Protein backbone atom coordinates (compact mmCIF):
# COMPACT_ATOMS: atom_id res chain seq x y z
CA MET A 1 -4.23 17.56 -28.28
CA SER A 2 -6.74 16.75 -25.57
CA ASN A 3 -9.48 18.59 -27.50
CA ASN A 4 -8.79 16.50 -30.60
CA HIS A 5 -8.83 13.33 -28.54
CA GLU A 6 -12.14 14.34 -26.95
CA SER A 7 -13.62 15.15 -30.37
CA ASN A 8 -12.55 11.76 -31.75
CA THR A 9 -13.98 10.01 -28.72
CA ASN A 10 -17.31 11.80 -29.14
CA ARG A 11 -17.49 10.87 -32.80
CA THR A 12 -16.70 7.25 -32.04
CA GLY A 13 -19.26 7.20 -29.27
CA GLY A 14 -21.87 8.71 -31.57
CA LEU A 15 -21.25 6.13 -34.26
CA SER A 16 -21.33 3.35 -31.71
CA SER A 17 -24.59 4.67 -30.29
CA ALA A 18 -26.19 4.83 -33.76
CA ALA A 19 -25.07 1.28 -34.51
CA ILE A 20 -26.59 0.05 -31.26
CA GLU A 21 -29.85 1.87 -32.01
CA ILE A 22 -30.04 0.38 -35.52
CA ARG A 23 -29.47 -3.13 -34.18
CA LEU A 24 -32.14 -2.55 -31.55
CA ALA A 25 -34.58 -1.31 -34.20
CA ALA A 26 -33.94 -4.44 -36.26
CA SER A 27 -34.51 -6.61 -33.20
CA PHE A 28 -37.78 -4.84 -32.40
CA LEU A 29 -39.14 -5.03 -35.95
CA THR A 30 -37.91 -8.47 -37.03
CA ILE A 31 -37.36 -11.93 -35.62
CA ILE A 32 -33.60 -11.55 -36.15
CA PRO A 33 -31.85 -11.48 -32.73
CA LEU A 34 -29.17 -8.86 -33.35
CA THR A 35 -28.77 -7.66 -29.76
CA ARG A 36 -27.95 -9.76 -26.74
CA ASN A 37 -26.43 -7.28 -24.33
CA PRO A 38 -28.74 -4.95 -22.36
CA ALA A 39 -29.02 -1.46 -23.86
CA SER A 40 -29.40 1.87 -22.14
CA PRO A 41 -32.84 3.51 -22.03
CA ASP A 42 -31.52 6.28 -24.30
CA ASN A 43 -30.43 3.77 -26.93
CA VAL A 44 -33.73 1.93 -26.71
CA ALA A 45 -35.74 5.14 -27.13
CA GLY A 46 -33.40 6.37 -29.88
CA SER A 47 -33.85 3.18 -31.88
CA PHE A 48 -37.36 4.34 -32.78
CA GLY A 49 -35.98 6.88 -35.26
CA TRP A 50 -34.30 4.14 -37.28
CA PHE A 51 -37.49 2.19 -37.96
CA PRO A 52 -37.72 3.33 -41.62
CA LEU A 53 -34.17 2.12 -42.27
CA ILE A 54 -35.22 -1.35 -41.19
CA GLY A 55 -38.42 -1.03 -43.22
CA PHE A 56 -36.60 -0.20 -46.46
CA SER A 57 -34.10 -3.00 -45.74
CA LEU A 58 -37.04 -5.39 -45.44
CA GLY A 59 -38.32 -3.96 -48.72
CA LEU A 60 -35.04 -4.78 -50.43
CA ILE A 61 -35.17 -8.34 -49.09
CA VAL A 62 -38.71 -9.06 -50.28
CA ALA A 63 -38.10 -7.33 -53.62
CA GLY A 64 -35.08 -9.56 -54.15
CA LEU A 65 -37.11 -12.59 -53.15
CA HIS A 66 -39.85 -11.64 -55.64
CA TYR A 67 -37.25 -11.33 -58.40
CA LEU A 68 -35.80 -14.78 -57.63
CA LEU A 69 -39.20 -16.44 -57.38
CA ALA A 70 -40.04 -15.19 -60.88
CA PHE A 71 -37.95 -18.07 -62.21
CA PHE A 72 -40.09 -20.66 -60.44
CA VAL A 73 -43.70 -19.58 -59.81
CA SER A 74 -46.44 -17.44 -61.37
CA GLY A 75 -47.46 -13.91 -60.37
CA ALA A 76 -50.26 -14.59 -57.88
CA VAL A 77 -48.38 -17.35 -56.10
CA ARG A 78 -45.25 -15.23 -56.07
CA ALA A 79 -47.14 -12.33 -54.50
CA ALA A 80 -48.55 -14.59 -51.79
CA LEU A 81 -45.14 -16.05 -50.98
CA VAL A 82 -43.52 -12.61 -50.80
CA ILE A 83 -46.17 -11.21 -48.44
CA LEU A 84 -45.90 -14.39 -46.35
CA ALA A 85 -42.13 -13.90 -46.17
CA LEU A 86 -42.54 -10.27 -45.10
CA THR A 87 -45.01 -11.33 -42.41
CA ALA A 88 -42.72 -14.10 -41.20
CA ILE A 89 -39.61 -11.90 -41.00
CA THR A 90 -41.48 -9.37 -38.87
CA GLY A 91 -42.97 -12.07 -36.67
CA ALA A 92 -46.48 -10.82 -37.55
CA VAL A 93 -46.24 -8.55 -34.52
CA HIS A 94 -47.89 -5.61 -36.29
CA LEU A 95 -50.70 -7.80 -37.56
CA ASP A 96 -51.32 -8.74 -33.95
CA GLY A 97 -51.60 -5.02 -33.16
CA LEU A 98 -54.01 -4.59 -36.06
CA ALA A 99 -56.17 -7.44 -34.75
CA ASP A 100 -56.28 -6.01 -31.23
CA THR A 101 -57.10 -2.55 -32.56
CA ALA A 102 -59.92 -3.88 -34.74
CA ASP A 103 -61.37 -5.75 -31.76
CA ALA A 104 -61.10 -2.62 -29.61
CA LEU A 105 -63.04 -0.67 -32.22
CA GLY A 106 -65.96 -2.94 -31.40
CA ALA A 107 -66.17 -1.20 -28.02
CA GLY A 108 -67.23 2.00 -29.76
CA ARG A 109 -66.98 5.07 -27.53
CA ASP A 110 -66.39 3.04 -24.36
CA ARG A 111 -62.77 4.11 -23.80
CA LEU A 112 -62.08 1.93 -20.77
CA ARG A 113 -63.43 -1.19 -22.47
CA ALA A 114 -61.41 -0.43 -25.61
CA LEU A 115 -58.21 -0.13 -23.55
CA ALA A 116 -59.04 -3.39 -21.78
CA ILE A 117 -59.46 -5.14 -25.14
CA LEU A 118 -56.13 -3.74 -26.33
CA ARG A 119 -54.49 -5.36 -23.28
CA ASP A 120 -56.16 -8.70 -24.02
CA SER A 121 -53.96 -11.08 -26.04
CA ARG A 122 -56.93 -12.96 -27.47
CA ILE A 123 -58.14 -12.19 -31.00
CA GLY A 124 -61.84 -11.79 -31.73
CA THR A 125 -63.95 -11.78 -34.87
CA PHE A 126 -63.19 -8.19 -35.87
CA GLY A 127 -59.48 -8.78 -35.40
CA THR A 128 -59.47 -11.93 -37.50
CA LEU A 129 -61.37 -10.25 -40.32
CA ALA A 130 -59.05 -7.23 -40.25
CA VAL A 131 -55.94 -9.39 -40.54
CA LEU A 132 -57.40 -11.49 -43.37
CA PHE A 133 -58.52 -8.40 -45.26
CA VAL A 134 -55.21 -6.54 -44.98
CA VAL A 135 -53.11 -9.56 -45.95
CA ALA A 136 -55.40 -10.34 -48.90
CA LEU A 137 -55.28 -6.70 -49.99
CA LYS A 138 -51.46 -6.71 -49.98
CA ILE A 139 -51.32 -9.92 -52.01
CA ALA A 140 -53.88 -8.65 -54.52
CA ALA A 141 -52.07 -5.33 -54.88
CA VAL A 142 -48.69 -6.95 -55.53
CA ALA A 143 -50.19 -9.54 -57.91
CA SER A 144 -52.12 -6.94 -59.93
CA THR A 145 -49.32 -4.40 -60.37
CA ALA A 146 -49.37 -3.34 -64.01
CA HIS A 147 -45.59 -3.23 -64.31
CA SER A 148 -42.88 -4.60 -62.02
CA PRO A 149 -43.95 -4.73 -58.34
CA LEU A 150 -40.34 -4.32 -57.18
CA PRO A 151 -40.66 -0.55 -56.47
CA SER A 152 -43.78 -1.07 -54.35
CA LEU A 153 -42.18 -3.96 -52.47
CA TYR A 154 -39.24 -1.72 -51.64
CA ILE A 155 -41.22 1.43 -50.80
CA ALA A 156 -44.25 0.19 -48.86
CA PRO A 157 -42.45 -1.42 -45.86
CA GLY A 158 -40.26 1.65 -45.41
CA LEU A 159 -43.13 4.13 -45.51
CA ALA A 160 -45.09 1.97 -43.08
CA ARG A 161 -42.23 2.17 -40.56
CA TRP A 162 -41.99 5.95 -41.08
CA ALA A 163 -45.70 6.16 -40.25
CA MET A 164 -45.04 4.15 -37.09
CA VAL A 165 -42.76 6.99 -35.98
CA ALA A 166 -44.96 9.86 -37.19
CA VAL A 167 -48.36 8.63 -35.98
CA PRO A 168 -47.51 8.54 -32.24
CA TYR A 169 -45.34 11.69 -32.29
CA LYS A 170 -45.99 13.77 -29.15
CA PHE A 171 -48.95 11.58 -28.14
CA ASP A 172 -49.60 10.40 -24.59
CA TYR A 173 -48.76 6.76 -24.04
CA LEU A 174 -51.81 5.02 -22.61
CA ARG A 175 -50.05 2.25 -20.68
CA ASP A 176 -47.59 2.19 -17.82
CA TYR A 177 -44.09 2.80 -19.12
CA GLY A 178 -42.00 -0.33 -19.09
CA ALA A 179 -39.76 -2.44 -21.27
CA GLY A 180 -42.24 -2.48 -24.15
CA SER A 181 -43.09 1.19 -24.17
CA ALA A 182 -39.49 2.33 -23.84
CA ILE A 183 -38.94 1.74 -27.57
CA LEU A 184 -41.40 4.41 -28.50
CA GLY A 185 -39.44 7.60 -27.97
CA ILE A 186 -42.64 9.29 -29.07
CA GLN A 187 -41.77 12.64 -27.52
CA SER A 188 -38.47 12.92 -29.37
CA ASP A 189 -38.03 15.45 -32.18
CA ARG A 190 -34.78 13.65 -33.04
CA ASN A 191 -36.54 10.39 -33.82
CA LEU A 192 -39.01 11.93 -36.26
CA ARG A 193 -36.21 13.96 -37.85
CA ILE A 194 -34.00 10.90 -38.36
CA ALA A 195 -36.92 8.83 -39.62
CA SER A 196 -37.89 11.51 -42.17
CA ILE A 197 -34.32 12.02 -43.42
CA VAL A 198 -33.79 8.27 -43.79
CA THR A 199 -37.09 7.95 -45.67
CA ILE A 200 -36.29 10.77 -48.11
CA LEU A 201 -32.81 9.40 -48.85
CA ALA A 202 -34.11 5.84 -49.24
CA LEU A 203 -36.77 6.98 -51.71
CA LEU A 204 -34.28 8.70 -54.04
CA PRO A 205 -33.45 5.55 -56.07
CA ALA A 206 -37.11 4.49 -56.25
CA GLY A 207 -38.11 6.95 -58.96
CA VAL A 208 -39.97 10.26 -58.77
CA ILE A 209 -43.53 9.09 -59.45
CA PRO A 210 -43.52 6.07 -57.10
CA ALA A 211 -41.85 8.15 -54.39
CA ILE A 212 -44.38 10.99 -54.65
CA ARG A 213 -47.30 8.58 -54.70
CA GLY A 214 -46.00 6.69 -51.70
CA ILE A 215 -45.19 9.80 -49.66
CA PHE A 216 -48.59 11.31 -50.38
CA VAL A 217 -50.43 8.19 -49.22
CA ALA A 218 -48.25 7.80 -46.13
CA ILE A 219 -48.73 11.43 -45.05
CA VAL A 220 -52.49 11.38 -45.62
CA MET A 221 -52.92 8.09 -43.77
CA THR A 222 -50.70 9.31 -40.93
CA LEU A 223 -52.80 12.45 -40.47
CA ILE A 224 -56.00 10.38 -40.49
CA PHE A 225 -54.65 8.01 -37.85
CA ARG A 226 -53.43 10.86 -35.67
CA TRP A 227 -56.83 12.55 -35.83
CA PHE A 228 -58.72 9.32 -35.19
CA TYR A 229 -56.58 8.09 -32.29
CA ALA A 230 -56.74 11.51 -30.63
CA ARG A 231 -60.55 11.56 -30.81
CA TRP A 232 -61.06 7.89 -29.99
CA LEU A 233 -58.69 7.23 -27.07
CA GLY A 234 -56.70 10.43 -26.64
CA GLY A 235 -53.34 8.70 -26.90
CA ILE A 236 -51.39 5.77 -28.26
CA THR A 237 -50.35 2.20 -27.47
CA GLY A 238 -48.01 -0.23 -29.20
CA ASP A 239 -50.97 -2.04 -30.76
CA LEU A 240 -52.29 1.19 -32.27
CA ILE A 241 -48.87 1.94 -33.74
CA GLY A 242 -48.66 -1.55 -35.25
CA ALA A 243 -52.14 -1.22 -36.71
CA ALA A 244 -51.25 2.09 -38.34
CA GLY A 245 -48.13 0.56 -39.85
CA GLU A 246 -50.05 -2.35 -41.34
CA VAL A 247 -52.75 -0.17 -42.85
CA VAL A 248 -50.25 2.34 -44.28
CA GLU A 249 -48.26 -0.52 -45.78
CA ALA A 250 -51.36 -1.96 -47.44
CA ALA A 251 -52.41 1.49 -48.67
CA ALA A 252 -48.95 2.08 -50.16
CA PHE A 253 -49.09 -1.26 -51.98
CA VAL A 254 -52.47 -0.31 -53.44
CA ALA A 255 -51.35 3.21 -54.41
CA LEU A 256 -48.29 1.84 -56.18
CA THR A 257 -50.09 -0.80 -58.26
């Protein structure tokens, strides 16, 4: 009797923990305030594995928005509004990471200066150009899709969030650990395992060809980022993770046109 009670308690606790982690992931990746109570460090770190679930959920939202807008506006305008909506829902936080990373690249091989630029909240010329280029590329890719862009709108945000788990896996974190870095969970096998399982399951209804195309691009881009970050700075920061997510998302949109 006691063993059954303990088993039920463990299962309930596990489900509760997963729900907390998913809400935390949504709070980290969107502007939707789903968590108010303080969470344990384990829950915060564990939320990292659920990033793709939030990404594919965002994909469903923007795909639905694109479908509804078809009754009111033309293709190019619709593409711009959908990408704007995706940016707004995420609070443009990853675009900020892309801008900081692009500015840091201007430091070249000067590692200390690059890290200092990554800590600077100001955006320079390289950062501005990088943001404009990536956003324009996403809009152009969605607008120029030969058939319906709904599969790409669903797939690209999810694969981008999978890359945000896979790129920093087992890397050294290059800043002092604190509230911001606790979400990473970058040393956790569990997080990458959950993220990969969620991604595979979420891609099943997307169709074989779009899924294979998207996975191929995401894996190749992830390997490139891992190689480059290791050679450039020898580790990872939140900005670098956000930059990788934005570039992978744009690349997936292009691959799925």
